[in-house]
Amino acid sequence: MTQYGGDTNEIGSATSQDFHADAFTAELVSTAANNIWTVEVEAGGTFAYALRRTGSDRAFRVEFDLTKPIETPLTPWGAEAGN
């Protein structure tokens, strides 16, 4: 929607890819110019999303355990089922 994001600058692997902040993102949010987002998938194991900012100690990572399914939540109030 905002085009905030990044592009790949190098070849990733079968399980991991980095996305460096693109020019539009740097213009939109100047502090994000050095952001690198990483997506990792270990088939049947974990899905990970990470963000780091080069030149700083800022880093964030979250992992989802794909081996433990969760129940689908109920449709929120005001939403149409199936959307």
Protein backbone atom coordinates (compact mmCIF):
# COMPACT_ATOMS: atom_id res chain seq x y z
CA MET A 1 0.00 0.00 0.00
CA THR A 2 2.81 2.43 0.84
CA GLN A 3 5.49 0.64 -1.21
CA TYR A 4 7.57 0.62 2.00
CA GLY A 5 10.00 -2.24 1.66
CA GLY A 6 13.11 -3.52 0.07
CA ASP A 7 14.78 -5.34 -2.77
CA THR A 8 17.15 -8.24 -2.86
CA ASN A 9 20.76 -7.22 -3.48
CA GLU A 10 22.30 -10.67 -3.52
CA ILE A 11 21.35 -14.26 -4.09
CA GLY A 12 19.79 -15.80 -1.03
CA SER A 13 19.65 -19.45 -0.18
CA ALA A 14 16.96 -22.10 -0.35
CA THR A 15 15.88 -21.08 3.15
CA SER A 16 16.81 -17.41 3.62
CA GLN A 17 16.64 -14.08 1.75
CA ASP A 18 17.63 -10.55 2.70
CA PHE A 19 15.78 -7.47 1.47
CA HIS A 20 17.60 -4.14 1.67
CA ALA A 21 15.61 -0.92 1.99
CA ASP A 22 14.86 0.51 -1.44
CA ALA A 23 15.14 4.16 -2.51
CA PHE A 24 11.43 4.84 -1.98
CA THR A 25 11.59 3.52 1.58
CA ALA A 26 14.69 5.62 2.30
CA GLU A 27 12.86 8.70 1.01
CA LEU A 28 9.66 7.87 2.90
CA VAL A 29 11.41 7.08 6.21
CA SER A 30 14.99 8.34 6.21
CA THR A 31 15.93 6.34 9.33
CA ALA A 32 14.95 3.14 7.50
CA ALA A 33 17.48 3.69 4.71
CA ASN A 34 19.84 1.11 6.26
CA ASN A 35 17.19 -1.49 7.06
CA ILE A 36 17.65 -5.08 6.01
CA TRP A 37 14.71 -7.45 6.38
CA THR A 38 15.30 -11.20 6.39
CA VAL A 39 12.81 -13.97 5.75
CA GLU A 40 13.79 -17.54 6.64
CA VAL A 41 11.82 -20.75 6.20
CA GLU A 42 12.82 -24.13 7.56
CA ALA A 43 10.34 -26.49 5.91
CA GLY A 44 8.15 -28.09 8.53
CA GLY A 45 10.07 -26.31 11.28
CA THR A 46 10.10 -22.53 11.58
CA PHE A 47 9.27 -19.34 9.75
CA ALA A 48 11.37 -16.37 10.84
CA TYR A 49 11.16 -12.65 10.11
CA ALA A 50 13.98 -10.36 11.12
CA LEU A 51 14.91 -6.71 10.78
CA ARG A 52 18.28 -5.16 11.39
CA ARG A 53 19.60 -1.67 10.77
CA THR A 54 23.20 -1.55 9.59
CA GLY A 55 25.37 0.93 11.44
CA SER A 56 23.36 0.51 14.64
CA ASP A 57 22.59 -2.09 17.28
CA ARG A 58 18.92 -2.23 16.30
CA ALA A 59 17.72 -5.74 15.59
CA PHE A 60 14.44 -7.60 15.81
CA ARG A 61 13.60 -11.23 15.11
CA VAL A 62 10.48 -13.30 15.54
CA GLU A 63 10.14 -17.03 14.91
CA PHE A 64 6.99 -19.02 14.34
CA ASP A 65 6.96 -22.73 15.17
CA LEU A 66 5.36 -24.42 12.16
CA THR A 67 5.16 -27.75 13.98
CA LYS A 68 2.46 -26.51 16.37
CA PRO A 69 -0.75 -25.59 14.54
CA ILE A 70 -3.13 -23.15 16.20
CA GLU A 71 -6.88 -23.00 15.89
CA THR A 72 -8.26 -20.50 13.40
CA PRO A 73 -9.62 -17.56 15.38
CA LEU A 74 -13.29 -16.68 15.21
CA THR A 75 -14.33 -14.11 12.60
CA PRO A 76 -13.94 -10.68 14.22
CA TRP A 77 -17.01 -8.60 14.90
CA GLY A 78 -18.02 -6.62 11.81
CA ALA A 79 -16.06 -8.77 9.36
CA GLU A 80 -17.68 -10.92 6.74
CA ALA A 81 -16.95 -14.64 6.99
CA GLY A 82 -14.71 -15.97 4.25
CA ASN A 83 -12.71 -12.74 3.72
